[in-house]
């Protein structure tokens, strides 16, 4: 895994240390900049569109059904 991280980081140009990621996450949770923001994808402090696959309703349905199956919980709807 130690080899894969730098390779992927170099390929996609986005890589943070654990400390940097933790600081960013902490600022999102405790800061006021996004206090009124819900349902957004935030990458390094910037609201962005997530990947096209994340908007696919079929994927959402598959994920929901798999989650129900794996947790042995069934939704009320």
Protein backbone atom coordinates (compact mmCIF):
# COMPACT_ATOMS: atom_id res chain seq x y z
CA UNK A 1 0.00 0.00 0.00
CA UNK A 2 2.90 2.34 0.63
CA UNK A 3 3.86 2.10 -3.03
CA UNK A 4 0.35 2.50 -4.40
CA UNK A 5 -0.42 5.77 -2.58
CA UNK A 6 2.37 7.83 -4.16
CA UNK A 7 1.70 6.33 -7.60
CA UNK A 8 -2.00 7.17 -7.47
CA UNK A 9 -1.23 10.60 -6.04
CA UNK A 10 1.13 11.31 -8.91
CA UNK A 11 -1.38 10.09 -11.49
CA UNK A 12 -4.37 12.09 -10.28
CA UNK A 13 -2.48 14.98 -8.73
CA UNK A 14 -4.36 14.88 -5.45
CA UNK A 15 -2.70 13.54 -2.37
CA UNK A 16 -2.74 14.71 1.22
CA UNK A 17 -1.04 13.50 4.35
CA UNK A 18 -3.17 12.13 7.17
CA UNK A 19 -2.53 15.34 9.12
CA UNK A 20 -3.65 17.53 6.19
CA UNK A 21 -6.76 15.45 5.62
CA UNK A 22 -7.57 15.51 9.33
CA UNK A 23 -7.17 19.28 9.53
CA UNK A 24 -9.40 19.78 6.49
CA UNK A 25 -12.08 17.48 7.89
CA UNK A 26 -11.91 19.15 11.30
CA UNK A 27 -12.36 22.59 9.73
CA UNK A 28 -15.40 21.34 7.81
CA UNK A 29 -16.96 19.97 10.98
CA UNK A 30 -16.18 22.86 13.30
CA UNK A 31 -15.93 25.83 10.95
CA UNK A 32 -18.69 28.19 9.83
CA UNK A 33 -17.88 28.39 6.11
CA UNK A 34 -20.19 25.50 5.21
CA UNK A 35 -22.52 25.67 8.23
CA UNK A 36 -25.62 26.11 6.04
CA UNK A 37 -24.49 23.67 3.34
CA UNK A 38 -26.05 20.22 3.11
CA UNK A 39 -25.70 17.43 0.57
CA UNK A 40 -22.60 18.91 -1.05
CA UNK A 41 -19.40 17.23 -2.19
CA UNK A 42 -16.50 19.24 -0.82
CA UNK A 43 -12.96 18.62 -2.05
CA UNK A 44 -10.21 20.42 -0.15
CA UNK A 45 -12.54 23.20 0.94
CA UNK A 46 -14.24 23.72 -2.43
CA UNK A 47 -17.77 22.63 -3.33
CA UNK A 48 -17.57 20.51 -6.47
CA UNK A 49 -19.64 18.08 -8.47
CA UNK A 50 -18.83 14.50 -7.57
CA UNK A 51 -18.21 11.83 -10.18
CA UNK A 52 -20.92 11.15 -12.79
CA UNK A 53 -21.46 7.68 -11.30
CA UNK A 54 -22.59 9.25 -8.03
CA UNK A 55 -25.63 10.73 -9.80
CA UNK A 56 -26.74 7.39 -11.26
CA UNK A 57 -30.06 6.36 -9.67
CA UNK A 58 -29.44 2.71 -10.52
CA UNK A 59 -26.21 2.80 -8.54
CA UNK A 60 -28.03 4.40 -5.62
CA UNK A 61 -30.68 1.68 -5.68
CA UNK A 62 -28.04 -1.08 -5.84
CA UNK A 63 -26.13 0.46 -2.94
CA UNK A 64 -29.29 0.79 -0.85
CA UNK A 65 -30.31 -2.82 -1.46
CA UNK A 66 -26.80 -4.11 -0.73
CA UNK A 67 -26.71 -2.07 2.48
CA UNK A 68 -30.04 -3.54 3.58
CA UNK A 69 -28.83 -7.05 2.83
CA UNK A 70 -25.45 -6.65 4.53
CA UNK A 71 -26.86 -5.01 7.67
CA UNK A 72 -29.98 -7.21 7.86
CA UNK A 73 -32.05 -4.02 8.11
CA UNK A 74 -35.03 -3.30 5.89
CA UNK A 75 -36.36 0.18 5.17
CA UNK A 76 -39.92 1.10 6.13
CA UNK A 77 -40.72 2.33 2.62
